[in-house]
Amino acid sequence: MPAGSPRLSVPAGSFRRMPSSLHEALTDMFRHRPTLAAELLADALGMKLPGYEQATVESADFTVLTPTEYRADAVVVLSAAGSAVLAVVGVPSRSSSDPARR
């Protein structure tokens, strides 16, 4: 580095890892087929779901007025007669061993 050049100081862990291909594929499955969220909840987890007529993908940003911001990769809303009956939030957001990112 030439003398007098400014040094950049970047705190460790400040760069986010790129999502894996598997992560992107799983997220795309819910974006392209939102009924998959309801099917997995009912069939794989045995949850009893309220009656619904359609499943739609909604905004995945969960910003609140306080400085904390919550995001998900996909949000699926089940609705009947034009009203939401259930929202499936946070269809997986990054698998990581770092507890701060969960």
Protein backbone atom coordinates (compact mmCIF):
# COMPACT_ATOMS: atom_id res chain seq x y z
CA MET A 1 0.00 0.00 0.00
CA PRO A 2 1.52 3.40 -0.94
CA ALA A 3 2.46 5.67 1.93
CA GLY A 4 -0.31 8.09 2.88
CA SER A 5 -3.07 5.92 1.41
CA PRO A 6 -6.14 5.63 3.62
CA ARG A 7 -6.67 2.21 5.20
CA LEU A 8 -10.09 0.66 5.14
CA SER A 9 -11.11 -0.96 8.37
CA VAL A 10 -13.91 -3.49 8.02
CA PRO A 11 -15.16 -5.26 11.17
CA ALA A 12 -14.95 -9.03 11.07
CA GLY A 13 -18.23 -10.65 10.06
CA SER A 14 -19.59 -7.51 8.40
CA PHE A 15 -19.89 -9.18 5.00
CA ARG A 16 -22.95 -11.38 4.48
CA ARG A 17 -22.51 -14.68 2.74
CA MET A 18 -24.33 -15.16 -0.52
CA PRO A 19 -27.37 -17.43 -0.30
CA SER A 20 -26.64 -20.97 -1.45
CA SER A 21 -28.21 -22.49 -4.54
CA LEU A 22 -30.22 -24.80 -2.27
CA HIS A 23 -31.48 -21.82 -0.26
CA GLU A 24 -32.53 -19.99 -3.43
CA ALA A 25 -34.20 -23.12 -4.83
CA LEU A 26 -36.23 -23.65 -1.65
CA THR A 27 -37.30 -20.01 -1.58
CA ASP A 28 -38.28 -20.11 -5.27
CA MET A 29 -40.42 -23.22 -4.66
CA PHE A 30 -42.63 -21.22 -2.27
CA ARG A 31 -42.66 -18.13 -4.50
CA HIS A 32 -43.76 -20.16 -7.55
CA ARG A 33 -46.15 -22.48 -5.69
CA PRO A 34 -47.40 -20.79 -2.51
CA THR A 35 -49.85 -23.63 -1.76
CA LEU A 36 -46.76 -25.70 -0.94
CA ALA A 37 -46.56 -23.90 2.43
CA ALA A 38 -50.06 -25.07 3.38
CA GLU A 39 -49.42 -28.57 2.04
CA LEU A 40 -46.27 -28.97 4.13
CA LEU A 41 -47.91 -27.59 7.27
CA ALA A 42 -50.89 -29.94 6.90
CA ASP A 43 -49.30 -33.06 5.42
CA ALA A 44 -45.77 -33.09 6.84
CA LEU A 45 -46.44 -31.43 10.20
CA GLY A 46 -50.03 -32.52 10.76
CA MET A 47 -51.30 -28.99 11.46
CA LYS A 48 -55.00 -28.32 11.13
CA LEU A 49 -55.33 -25.27 8.88
CA PRO A 50 -58.31 -22.94 8.58
CA GLY A 51 -60.30 -23.25 5.36
CA TYR A 52 -58.83 -21.16 2.56
CA GLU A 53 -59.48 -20.56 -1.13
CA GLN A 54 -56.13 -19.30 -2.33
CA ALA A 55 -52.51 -18.86 -1.29
CA THR A 56 -50.57 -15.78 -2.37
CA VAL A 57 -46.98 -14.62 -1.92
CA GLU A 58 -46.79 -11.29 -0.10
CA SER A 59 -44.07 -8.81 0.84
CA ALA A 60 -41.26 -10.39 2.84
CA ASP A 61 -40.18 -7.16 4.58
CA PHE A 62 -41.19 -6.81 8.23
CA THR A 63 -40.11 -3.31 9.11
CA VAL A 64 -41.46 -1.85 12.36
CA LEU A 65 -41.26 1.69 13.71
CA THR A 66 -38.50 0.78 16.14
CA PRO A 67 -35.02 0.26 14.66
CA THR A 68 -35.41 -3.55 14.49
CA GLU A 69 -36.19 -4.83 11.01
CA TYR A 70 -37.42 -8.34 10.23
CA ARG A 71 -37.19 -9.96 6.80
CA ALA A 72 -38.14 -13.30 5.37
CA ASP A 73 -37.41 -14.90 2.05
CA ALA A 74 -41.07 -15.53 1.30
CA VAL A 75 -44.43 -14.88 2.92
CA VAL A 76 -47.48 -16.92 1.90
CA VAL A 77 -51.01 -15.81 2.82
CA LEU A 78 -53.96 -18.21 2.72
CA SER A 79 -57.27 -16.45 2.16
CA ALA A 80 -60.98 -17.14 1.85
CA ALA A 81 -63.64 -14.74 0.55
CA GLY A 82 -60.98 -12.08 0.06
CA SER A 83 -59.78 -12.10 3.68
CA ALA A 84 -56.56 -13.56 5.06
CA VAL A 85 -57.12 -16.63 7.25
CA LEU A 86 -53.47 -17.57 7.85
CA ALA A 87 -50.04 -16.19 7.02
CA VAL A 88 -46.98 -18.40 6.76
CA VAL A 89 -44.07 -16.13 7.58
CA GLY A 90 -40.37 -16.67 7.21
CA VAL A 91 -40.18 -19.54 4.80
CA PRO A 92 -36.61 -20.30 5.67
CA SER A 93 -34.36 -17.32 5.99
CA ARG A 94 -30.76 -18.43 5.67
CA SER A 95 -29.52 -21.54 7.40
CA SER A 96 -26.49 -20.58 9.43
CA SER A 97 -24.56 -21.68 12.46
CA ASP A 98 -24.45 -18.04 13.60
CA PRO A 99 -27.25 -17.67 16.24
CA ALA A 100 -27.42 -13.91 15.59
CA ARG A 101 -28.69 -14.59 12.04
CA ARG A 102 -31.57 -16.85 13.07
